[in-house]
Amino acid sequence: MTYIAFVRDNPRWLAGGFLLTFFSTFGMTSFVALSAGDIRRDYGLSHGEFGTLYMFATLASALSLPYLGQIVDRHSVRNVALFIVPMLALASASMALSQHLVMLFVAIYLLRLFGQGMMVHAAYTATARWFSAQRGRALSTVILGHNAGDAFLPMGFVLISAAVGWRNGWLLSAAALALVAVPAIALLVATDRKPRSSDPVARRVDARDWTRAEVVRDPIFYVLLLGVMAPGLIVTTLFFHQVYLVELRGWSLEVFASSYLVTAVVNTAFTLVVGQLIDRFSGVSLLPFVLLPLGFACLLLGLVEAQWSAFGFMALLGVSNGLSTTLFGAVWSEVYGLKHLGSIRALIVAAGVLASAIGPGLTGFLIDGGVSYPGQILAMGFYCFAVSFVLLLASRRVRARSHVQAAPAAASV
């Protein structure tokens, strides 16, 4: 089946997942950080103080995810969407209306929990269950929502904030979620997709169904988390302090915001390619390569001061996001099965959010302490290369374990 035919045969479920990831942009650090300068000014916060507040709000959301994330195993996608999308709208409105640090903390907590956390978690888990033989292709399509969000929403928010103020920009974001996202997503995911006789046979058989208790006792799980946490830690940190980097390098914030279009275009291309590769070779086989583009992106941004480096960084980041987002959406069913995927993925998403919580606060304090920010970015790049080697060893171990588990099943046929 061609990609066009695949999309034509499954429009509502792919579009529903696409909109979940598209509107999750409102809770991403890259979007929230566009207001960082205004927030620090209005609340009288330093880089380190705002980074700490953001870190603890994100940490609180990460701790909430393992518990809240289990609802995707117990309720329909439609009912989950009718809860999480309005909550993200409430969070956006809270950002606009808050006048106290406590309310700012709550607003950021809700943005991170329901934006980066639950919207993405629901989209990926539902898509992994709806599609088996074409899971990579389906996830790559749903993930295009991230790319579209990165391409249009940050630049649009910058322009709106310049015209009517950053608080009114957040109010308009809440209105878009309540009036557009809620009814559209609820309509598209009103019924779950069922397997069809026309679906192709899966090339890669999912693993046996591990329970969450078994997963947390598996050493490989924590090794794989090193890869999952790296993009969240690094990309969140870089985007959170993007205003500071622009000021440090003497760049234009508007030009930097326009570079998001580059990462969106490149991300789109690589997302579609990686989806095809996952369906052909499996996600586990691609694990050792997932962090290499991000490592090179950090080296470029840390070493080159000319503004063109922002566009080069965004291009490499697009390659990295195309690899990591699609791969980490698909690989867990290959390693741990489908039955308890929602509960297991809740732990994984929480780990990613936790990583995104640590980076901004730690880097903010290092900046306040006089530690070179470009030097920190270089260190992030070297971390990616080190973890890539660890993931190579882990992928070999997972494949070996899968062969051992498959042998008894084959013998019993």
Protein backbone atom coordinates (compact mmCIF):
# COMPACT_ATOMS: atom_id res chain seq x y z
CA MET A 1 0.00 0.00 0.00
CA THR A 2 1.36 3.41 -0.97
CA TYR A 3 1.57 6.22 1.58
CA ILE A 4 -1.14 8.21 -0.19
CA ALA A 5 -3.46 5.20 -0.17
CA PHE A 6 -2.69 4.62 3.51
CA VAL A 7 -3.66 8.20 4.40
CA ARG A 8 -6.75 8.03 2.21
CA ASP A 9 -7.95 4.86 3.96
CA ASN A 10 -7.38 6.19 7.50
CA PRO A 11 -8.07 9.94 7.44
CA ARG A 12 -9.98 10.49 10.66
CA TRP A 13 -7.60 8.68 13.02
CA LEU A 14 -4.49 10.16 11.44
CA ALA A 15 -6.04 13.64 11.49
CA GLY A 16 -7.11 13.24 15.13
CA GLY A 17 -3.60 12.28 16.19
CA PHE A 18 -2.17 15.07 14.03
CA LEU A 19 -4.31 17.70 15.77
CA LEU A 20 -3.38 16.37 19.22
CA THR A 21 0.32 16.83 18.46
CA PHE A 22 -0.26 20.15 16.65
CA PHE A 23 -2.06 21.78 19.57
CA SER A 24 0.38 20.26 22.09
CA THR A 25 2.76 22.99 20.88
CA PHE A 26 1.16 25.41 23.35
CA GLY A 27 2.68 23.39 26.20
CA MET A 28 6.15 22.95 24.69
CA THR A 29 9.15 24.82 26.05
CA SER A 30 9.93 26.25 22.62
CA PHE A 31 6.56 28.03 22.73
CA VAL A 32 6.42 28.96 26.42
CA ALA A 33 9.96 30.39 26.28
CA LEU A 34 8.88 32.96 23.71
CA SER A 35 7.36 34.81 26.68
CA ALA A 36 10.42 34.28 28.90
CA GLY A 37 11.71 37.84 28.57
CA ASP A 38 8.28 39.34 29.32
CA ILE A 39 7.74 37.01 32.26
CA ARG A 40 11.12 37.80 33.80
CA ARG A 41 10.43 41.52 33.39
CA ASP A 42 6.87 41.46 34.79
CA TYR A 43 7.75 39.25 37.75
CA GLY A 44 11.26 40.61 38.38
CA LEU A 45 13.01 37.26 37.91
CA SER A 46 16.58 36.44 36.89
CA HIS A 47 17.45 33.71 34.39
CA GLY A 48 18.19 31.30 37.23
CA GLU A 49 15.07 32.19 39.24
CA PHE A 50 12.71 31.74 36.32
CA GLY A 51 14.56 28.60 35.28
CA THR A 52 14.11 27.19 38.77
CA LEU A 53 10.40 27.98 38.84
CA TYR A 54 10.02 26.40 35.39
CA MET A 55 12.06 23.40 36.49
CA PHE A 56 9.93 22.67 39.55
CA ALA A 57 6.66 23.20 37.65
CA THR A 58 7.84 20.78 34.97
CA LEU A 59 9.12 18.36 37.60
CA ALA A 60 5.69 18.40 39.26
CA SER A 61 4.08 17.59 35.91
CA ALA A 62 6.54 14.72 35.39
CA LEU A 63 5.63 13.26 38.78
CA SER A 64 1.93 13.51 37.91
CA LEU A 65 2.21 11.78 34.54
CA PRO A 66 2.69 8.16 35.69
CA TYR A 67 -0.64 8.39 37.53
CA LEU A 68 -2.66 10.50 35.11
CA GLY A 69 -1.20 8.80 32.04
CA GLN A 70 -2.89 5.48 32.90
CA ILE A 71 -6.27 6.88 31.83
CA VAL A 72 -5.41 6.07 28.20
CA ASP A 73 -5.54 2.36 29.13
CA ARG A 74 -8.95 2.75 30.79
CA HIS A 75 -10.93 5.24 28.71
CA SER A 76 -11.62 5.88 25.05
CA VAL A 77 -9.44 8.31 23.15
CA ARG A 78 -12.44 10.62 22.71
CA ASN A 79 -13.11 10.83 26.45
CA VAL A 80 -9.44 11.39 27.18
CA ALA A 81 -9.32 14.19 24.58
CA LEU A 82 -12.43 15.84 26.03
CA PHE A 83 -10.55 16.11 29.32
CA ILE A 84 -6.99 17.00 28.35
CA VAL A 85 -7.64 19.56 25.58
CA PRO A 86 -9.90 21.80 27.73
CA MET A 87 -7.35 21.55 30.52
CA LEU A 88 -4.65 22.82 28.16
CA ALA A 89 -6.95 25.71 27.23
CA LEU A 90 -7.39 26.49 30.93
CA ALA A 91 -3.61 26.46 31.36
CA SER A 92 -3.17 28.93 28.48
CA ALA A 93 -5.77 31.26 29.96
CA SER A 94 -4.04 31.01 33.34
CA MET A 95 -0.77 32.18 31.78
CA ALA A 96 -2.55 35.28 30.52
CA LEU A 97 -4.40 36.11 33.73
CA SER A 98 -1.84 35.21 36.42
CA GLN A 99 -0.47 38.10 38.49
CA HIS A 100 1.33 36.13 41.20
CA LEU A 101 4.23 33.70 41.19
CA VAL A 102 2.04 30.93 42.61
CA MET A 103 -0.43 31.28 39.73
CA LEU A 104 2.45 31.42 37.26
CA PHE A 105 3.75 28.15 38.72
CA VAL A 106 0.31 26.51 38.41
CA ALA A 107 -0.11 27.75 34.83
CA ILE A 108 3.27 26.34 33.76
CA TYR A 109 2.55 23.08 35.59
CA LEU A 110 -0.72 22.67 33.69
CA LEU A 111 0.87 23.63 30.35
CA ARG A 112 3.61 21.05 30.77
CA LEU A 113 1.32 18.31 32.12
CA PHE A 114 -1.37 18.59 29.47
CA GLY A 115 0.69 20.00 26.57
CA GLN A 116 4.01 18.21 26.39
CA GLY A 117 2.68 15.41 28.57
CA MET A 118 -0.87 14.17 28.04
CA MET A 119 -1.60 15.49 24.53
CA VAL A 120 1.47 13.76 23.12
CA HIS A 121 1.02 10.66 25.28
CA ALA A 122 -2.57 10.18 24.13
CA ALA A 123 -1.68 10.72 20.45
CA TYR A 124 1.24 8.28 20.40
CA THR A 125 -0.40 5.56 22.49
CA ALA A 126 -3.62 5.60 20.48
CA THR A 127 -1.74 5.53 17.16
CA ALA A 128 0.46 2.61 18.28
CA ARG A 129 -2.66 0.64 19.13
CA TRP A 130 -4.67 1.59 16.06
CA PHE A 131 -1.93 0.49 13.66
CA SER A 132 0.42 -2.51 13.84
CA ALA A 133 1.94 -3.42 10.50
CA GLN A 134 2.10 0.26 9.55
CA ARG A 135 2.84 1.73 12.95
CA GLY A 136 5.93 3.63 11.79
CA ARG A 137 4.05 5.15 8.87
CA ALA A 138 1.08 6.09 11.08
CA LEU A 139 3.24 7.64 13.82
CA SER A 140 5.27 9.59 11.28
CA THR A 141 2.02 11.08 9.96
CA VAL A 142 0.71 11.97 13.41
CA ILE A 143 4.07 13.48 14.38
CA LEU A 144 3.78 15.89 11.46
CA GLY A 145 1.48 17.81 13.80
CA HIS A 146 4.56 18.76 15.83
CA ASN A 147 6.25 20.01 12.69
CA ALA A 148 3.25 22.06 11.64
CA GLY A 149 2.95 23.50 15.12
CA ASP A 150 6.63 24.46 15.20
CA ALA A 151 6.36 26.00 11.75
CA PHE A 152 3.41 28.30 12.39
CA LEU A 153 2.53 28.75 16.05
CA PRO A 154 5.78 30.30 17.45
CA MET A 155 6.08 32.87 14.68
CA GLY A 156 2.38 33.63 14.90
CA PHE A 157 2.63 34.11 18.65
CA VAL A 158 5.61 36.47 18.26
CA LEU A 159 3.66 38.62 15.79
CA ILE A 160 0.49 38.61 17.90
CA SER A 161 2.41 39.45 21.07
CA ALA A 162 4.12 42.35 19.33
CA ALA A 163 0.71 43.69 18.30
CA VAL A 164 -1.47 43.07 21.37
CA GLY A 165 0.90 41.97 24.15
CA TRP A 166 2.06 38.59 25.38
CA ARG A 167 -0.85 38.07 27.79
CA ASN A 168 -3.43 38.61 25.05
CA GLY A 169 -1.43 36.21 22.91
CA TRP A 170 -2.00 33.52 25.53
CA LEU A 171 -5.71 34.36 25.69
CA LEU A 172 -6.00 33.85 21.95
CA SER A 173 -4.18 30.53 22.33
CA ALA A 174 -6.77 29.42 24.91
CA ALA A 175 -9.58 30.46 22.57
CA ALA A 176 -8.09 28.44 19.70
CA LEU A 177 -7.90 25.34 21.90
CA ALA A 178 -11.44 25.70 23.25
CA LEU A 179 -13.20 26.68 20.04
CA VAL A 180 -11.22 24.77 17.40
CA ALA A 181 -9.23 21.92 18.94
CA VAL A 182 -11.86 20.48 21.30
CA PRO A 183 -14.70 19.94 18.79
CA ALA A 184 -12.42 18.90 15.91
CA ILE A 185 -10.47 16.27 17.86
CA ALA A 186 -13.56 14.90 19.61
CA LEU A 187 -15.26 14.41 16.25
CA LEU A 188 -12.28 12.75 14.57
CA VAL A 189 -11.54 10.21 17.35
CA ALA A 190 -15.19 9.50 18.21
CA THR A 191 -14.62 5.82 17.35
CA ASP A 192 -11.48 3.71 17.69
CA ARG A 193 -9.89 2.13 14.63
CA LYS A 194 -10.22 -1.64 14.41
CA PRO A 195 -7.85 -3.98 12.51
CA ARG A 196 -8.89 -4.61 8.90
CA SER A 197 -8.49 -7.60 6.64
CA SER A 198 -6.78 -5.32 4.13
CA ASP A 199 -4.04 -4.38 6.61
CA PRO A 200 -0.66 -5.87 5.60
CA VAL A 201 1.05 -8.47 7.75
CA ALA A 202 3.44 -6.93 10.24
CA ARG A 203 7.12 -7.41 9.45
CA ARG A 204 8.06 -6.99 13.10
CA VAL A 205 6.21 -8.90 15.80
CA ASP A 206 5.66 -6.97 19.01
CA ALA A 207 7.21 -8.28 22.21
CA ARG A 208 5.24 -10.18 24.82
CA ASP A 209 3.11 -7.95 27.01
CA TRP A 210 5.23 -6.81 29.95
CA THR A 211 3.53 -5.34 33.00
CA ARG A 212 4.70 -2.00 34.32
CA ALA A 213 6.08 -3.73 37.42
CA GLU A 214 8.23 -5.97 35.20
CA VAL A 215 9.42 -3.02 33.13
CA VAL A 216 10.71 -1.03 36.11
CA ARG A 217 12.80 -4.06 37.09
CA ASP A 218 14.35 -4.38 33.62
CA PRO A 219 17.86 -2.81 33.41
CA ILE A 220 17.46 -2.25 29.65
CA PHE A 221 14.56 0.10 30.36
CA TYR A 222 16.84 2.56 32.15
CA VAL A 223 19.48 2.34 29.45
CA LEU A 224 16.86 3.20 26.83
CA LEU A 225 15.70 6.10 28.99
CA LEU A 226 19.14 7.69 28.54
CA GLY A 227 18.24 8.10 24.89
CA VAL A 228 14.68 9.22 25.56
CA MET A 229 15.75 11.86 28.08
CA ALA A 230 18.51 13.40 25.98
CA PRO A 231 16.31 15.28 23.46
CA GLY A 232 14.05 16.55 26.22
CA LEU A 233 16.99 17.71 28.31
CA ILE A 234 18.92 19.36 25.50
CA VAL A 235 16.27 20.77 23.20
CA THR A 236 14.19 22.12 26.08
CA THR A 237 17.23 23.82 27.58
CA LEU A 238 18.24 25.40 24.28
CA PHE A 239 14.76 26.69 23.52
CA PHE A 240 14.13 27.86 27.07
CA HIS A 241 17.22 30.09 26.94
CA GLN A 242 16.78 31.05 23.29
CA VAL A 243 16.19 34.72 24.16
CA TYR A 244 19.44 34.79 26.15
CA LEU A 245 21.35 33.10 23.30
CA VAL A 246 19.96 35.61 20.81
CA GLU A 247 21.01 38.50 23.06
CA LEU A 248 24.44 36.93 23.69
CA ARG A 249 25.15 36.54 19.98
CA GLY A 250 23.57 39.85 18.96
CA TRP A 251 21.03 38.12 16.73
CA SER A 252 17.49 39.16 15.80
CA LEU A 253 14.77 37.30 17.73
CA GLU A 254 12.43 37.59 14.73
CA VAL A 255 15.04 36.02 12.44
CA PHE A 256 15.70 33.29 14.98
CA ALA A 257 11.96 32.58 15.29
CA SER A 258 11.77 32.31 11.49
CA SER A 259 14.37 29.52 11.59
CA TYR A 260 11.71 27.29 13.17
CA LEU A 261 10.36 26.87 9.65
CA VAL A 262 13.64 25.19 8.65
CA THR A 263 13.43 22.57 11.37
CA ALA A 264 9.76 22.01 10.55
CA VAL A 265 10.47 21.34 6.85
CA VAL A 266 13.47 19.07 7.50
CA ASN A 267 11.65 17.36 10.34
CA THR A 268 8.72 16.62 8.07
CA ALA A 269 10.91 14.97 5.45
CA PHE A 270 12.86 12.84 7.92
CA THR A 271 9.75 11.90 9.90
CA LEU A 272 8.21 10.33 6.81
CA VAL A 273 11.47 8.58 5.89
CA VAL A 274 11.97 7.18 9.40
CA GLY A 275 8.40 5.89 9.49
CA GLN A 276 9.11 3.82 6.39
CA LEU A 277 12.40 2.57 7.85
CA ILE A 278 10.74 1.49 11.10
CA ASP A 279 8.15 -0.54 9.22
CA ARG A 280 10.91 -2.16 7.18
CA PHE A 281 13.70 -2.75 9.72
CA SER A 282 12.17 -2.15 13.23
CA GLY A 283 12.71 0.68 15.65
CA VAL A 284 15.24 -1.17 17.78
CA SER A 285 17.68 -1.43 14.85
CA LEU A 286 17.67 2.37 14.45
CA LEU A 287 18.36 3.21 18.10
CA PRO A 288 22.14 3.75 17.80
CA PHE A 289 21.66 6.57 15.26
CA VAL A 290 18.93 8.56 16.97
CA LEU A 291 21.07 11.10 18.87
CA LEU A 292 23.88 11.67 16.37
CA PRO A 293 22.23 14.59 14.49
CA LEU A 294 21.44 16.33 17.80
CA GLY A 295 25.09 15.99 18.82
CA PHE A 296 26.28 17.67 15.63
CA ALA A 297 23.60 20.36 16.01
CA CYS A 298 24.98 21.25 19.45
CA LEU A 299 28.54 21.41 18.13
CA LEU A 300 27.47 23.82 15.39
CA LEU A 301 25.49 26.09 17.71
CA GLY A 302 28.22 26.10 20.35
CA LEU A 303 31.13 26.86 18.00
CA VAL A 304 29.73 29.21 15.31
CA GLU A 305 28.63 32.73 16.28
CA ALA A 306 27.22 33.89 12.91
CA GLN A 307 23.42 33.95 12.73
CA TRP A 308 23.38 31.45 9.86
CA SER A 309 24.38 28.84 12.44
CA ALA A 310 20.86 29.10 13.86
CA PHE A 311 19.48 27.86 10.53
CA GLY A 312 22.10 25.09 10.36
CA PHE A 313 21.25 24.11 13.92
CA MET A 314 17.55 24.05 13.10
CA ALA A 315 18.17 21.86 10.04
CA LEU A 316 20.13 19.30 12.08
CA LEU A 317 17.53 19.55 14.82
CA GLY A 318 14.89 18.71 12.22
CA VAL A 319 16.82 15.54 11.34
CA SER A 320 17.13 14.70 15.04
CA ASN A 321 13.45 15.30 15.77
CA GLY A 322 12.42 13.27 12.74
CA LEU A 323 14.44 10.36 14.08
CA SER A 324 13.80 10.59 17.80
CA THR A 325 10.12 11.48 17.89
CA THR A 326 9.04 8.78 15.46
CA LEU A 327 11.42 6.17 16.81
CA PHE A 328 10.58 6.66 20.47
CA GLY A 329 6.90 6.55 19.57
CA ALA A 330 7.27 3.11 17.98
CA VAL A 331 10.05 1.25 19.74
CA TRP A 332 8.34 0.57 23.07
CA SER A 333 5.76 -1.84 21.69
CA GLU A 334 8.64 -3.76 20.09
CA VAL A 335 10.35 -4.06 23.46
CA TYR A 336 7.42 -4.35 25.91
CA GLY A 337 4.24 -5.16 23.94
CA LEU A 338 0.86 -3.41 23.65
CA LYS A 339 -1.42 -4.49 26.50
CA HIS A 340 0.03 -2.15 29.14
CA LEU A 341 1.52 0.35 26.71
CA GLY A 342 -0.35 3.34 28.17
CA SER A 343 0.94 2.76 31.69
CA ILE A 344 4.47 2.06 30.46
CA ARG A 345 4.52 5.06 28.14
CA ALA A 346 3.34 7.25 31.02
CA LEU A 347 6.62 6.42 32.80
CA ILE A 348 8.58 7.15 29.64
CA VAL A 349 6.85 10.46 29.00
CA ALA A 350 7.39 11.37 32.65
CA ALA A 351 11.11 10.68 32.27
CA GLY A 352 11.24 12.92 29.20
CA VAL A 353 9.41 15.70 31.01
CA LEU A 354 11.68 15.23 34.03
CA ALA A 355 14.70 15.70 31.80
CA SER A 356 13.15 18.84 30.36
CA ALA A 357 12.63 20.08 33.93
CA ILE A 358 16.26 19.66 34.95
CA GLY A 359 17.90 21.43 32.03
CA PRO A 360 16.50 24.99 32.17
CA GLY A 361 17.02 25.46 35.91
CA LEU A 362 20.51 23.97 35.99
CA THR A 363 21.66 25.91 32.94
CA GLY A 364 20.08 29.10 34.28
CA PHE A 365 22.11 28.87 37.49
CA LEU A 366 25.28 28.11 35.52
CA ILE A 367 24.62 31.21 33.40
CA ASP A 368 24.08 33.30 36.54
CA GLY A 369 27.34 31.84 37.88
CA GLY A 370 29.30 32.96 34.82
CA VAL A 371 29.66 29.57 33.11
CA SER A 372 29.87 29.94 29.33
CA TYR A 373 26.55 29.06 27.71
CA PRO A 374 28.18 28.04 24.38
CA GLY A 375 30.47 25.78 26.43
CA GLN A 376 27.44 24.15 28.00
CA ILE A 377 25.96 23.57 24.55
CA LEU A 378 29.16 21.81 23.45
CA ALA A 379 28.99 19.54 26.51
CA MET A 380 25.45 18.57 25.49
CA GLY A 381 26.76 17.53 22.07
CA PHE A 382 29.41 15.26 23.53
CA TYR A 383 26.77 13.71 25.79
CA CYS A 384 24.78 12.72 22.68
CA PHE A 385 27.77 10.92 21.19
CA ALA A 386 28.43 9.01 24.42
CA VAL A 387 24.82 7.88 24.77
CA SER A 388 24.75 6.79 21.12
CA PHE A 389 27.40 4.19 21.91
CA VAL A 390 25.39 2.97 24.92
CA LEU A 391 22.28 2.64 22.76
CA LEU A 392 24.23 0.53 20.27
CA LEU A 393 24.95 -1.99 23.03
CA ALA A 394 21.36 -1.84 24.28
CA SER A 395 19.87 -2.48 20.82
CA ARG A 396 22.01 -5.59 20.45
CA ARG A 397 20.83 -6.84 23.83
CA VAL A 398 17.15 -6.24 23.01
CA ARG A 399 17.42 -8.08 19.68
CA ALA A 400 19.15 -11.01 21.37
CA ARG A 401 16.45 -11.14 24.04
CA SER A 402 13.70 -11.02 21.42
CA HIS A 403 15.19 -14.00 19.60
CA VAL A 404 15.30 -16.00 22.84
CA GLN A 405 11.66 -15.15 23.64
CA ALA A 406 10.55 -15.96 20.10
CA ALA A 407 12.18 -19.42 20.06
CA PRO A 408 9.73 -21.13 22.49
CA ALA A 409 6.76 -19.59 20.68
CA ALA A 410 8.03 -20.88 17.33
CA ALA A 411 8.66 -24.35 18.77
CA SER A 412 5.10 -24.59 20.09
CA VAL A 413 3.51 -23.88 16.69
